[in-house]
Amino acid sequence: MKAVAALIVALTAAVSASPVLSERGDQCDAIVQECNAKQTECQAQHPYIECPVDVSRFCPCYHVAKECIKDAGCQ
C-alpha cells in the first residue's frame, strides 16, 4: 500500500511540475538567443582575428555562448 501511495505522490509531482519545466524551456530559449547575441557582439569586437575551423577553440569568442548558456543553467 505504501508503494502505491508513493507512486501516486510521484506521479502527481511530475504532472504538476510539467508547466514549470515548460516555462523553464521558454526561458532557456530566450537565454540561448541572448547568449548567441553576446558571441556575435564579441566577434564584432575582434574582427581582425581570423579563426580557422581547426583552431577555432583557441579564439577569444569561441566559448562565449557555451559558457553563457551553461552559467544560466540551460544545457
Protein backbone atom coordinates (compact mmCIF):
# COMPACT_ATOMS: atom_id res chain seq x y z
CA MET A 1 0.00 0.00 0.00
CA LYS A 2 2.85 2.39 0.81
CA ALA A 3 4.38 1.71 -2.62
CA VAL A 4 1.12 2.65 -4.34
CA ALA A 5 0.85 5.83 -2.30
CA ALA A 6 4.45 6.73 -3.14
CA LEU A 7 3.76 6.13 -6.82
CA ILE A 8 0.68 8.37 -6.73
CA VAL A 9 2.63 11.13 -5.00
CA ALA A 10 5.45 10.84 -7.55
CA LEU A 11 3.04 10.98 -10.50
CA THR A 12 1.23 13.97 -9.01
CA ALA A 13 4.52 15.79 -8.53
CA ALA A 14 5.62 15.02 -12.09
CA VAL A 15 2.36 16.25 -13.60
CA SER A 16 2.31 19.43 -11.53
CA ALA A 17 5.98 20.14 -12.36
CA SER A 18 5.49 19.93 -16.12
CA PRO A 19 4.28 23.55 -16.51
CA VAL A 20 7.38 24.65 -14.62
CA LEU A 21 9.57 22.66 -16.99
CA SER A 22 7.78 24.16 -19.97
CA GLU A 23 8.27 27.67 -18.57
CA ARG A 24 11.95 26.92 -17.94
CA GLY A 25 12.26 25.76 -21.56
CA ASP A 26 10.83 29.06 -22.76
CA GLN A 27 13.28 30.95 -20.56
CA CYS A 28 16.16 28.87 -21.87
CA ASP A 29 15.19 29.64 -25.47
CA ALA A 30 15.42 33.35 -24.68
CA ILE A 31 18.70 32.85 -22.81
CA VAL A 32 20.21 30.94 -25.74
CA GLN A 33 19.29 33.77 -28.11
CA GLU A 34 20.80 36.32 -25.73
CA CYS A 35 23.99 34.28 -25.37
CA ASN A 36 24.32 33.88 -29.14
CA ALA A 37 23.96 37.66 -29.44
CA LYS A 38 26.80 38.09 -26.91
CA GLN A 39 29.00 35.83 -29.02
CA THR A 40 28.16 37.80 -32.17
CA GLU A 41 28.98 41.03 -30.33
CA CYS A 42 32.29 39.56 -29.19
CA GLN A 43 33.14 38.59 -32.75
CA ALA A 44 32.30 42.11 -33.91
CA GLN A 45 34.76 43.50 -31.33
CA HIS A 46 37.54 41.24 -32.68
CA PRO A 47 37.11 41.42 -36.46
CA TYR A 48 40.85 41.41 -37.02
CA ILE A 49 41.27 37.92 -35.57
CA GLU A 50 40.75 35.19 -38.13
CA CYS A 51 39.67 31.88 -36.65
CA PRO A 52 40.22 28.89 -38.93
CA VAL A 53 37.93 25.98 -38.11
CA ASP A 54 40.74 23.68 -36.96
CA VAL A 55 41.91 26.12 -34.25
CA SER A 56 38.67 27.97 -33.52
CA ARG A 57 38.54 26.69 -29.92
CA PHE A 58 41.51 28.99 -29.19
CA CYS A 59 39.75 32.08 -30.50
CA PRO A 60 38.56 34.70 -27.97
CA CYS A 61 34.84 34.32 -28.72
CA TYR A 62 34.60 30.57 -29.23
CA HIS A 63 33.28 29.71 -25.75
CA VAL A 64 31.24 32.87 -25.08
CA ALA A 65 27.82 31.42 -25.94
CA LYS A 66 28.55 27.98 -24.45
CA GLU A 67 29.68 29.41 -21.11
CA CYS A 68 26.81 31.90 -21.01
CA ILE A 69 24.25 29.12 -21.57
CA LYS A 70 25.94 26.85 -19.02
CA ASP A 71 26.11 29.63 -16.40
CA ALA A 72 22.37 30.23 -16.86
CA GLY A 73 21.67 26.54 -16.21
CA CYS A 74 20.38 25.81 -19.70
CA GLN A 75 22.47 22.97 -21.04
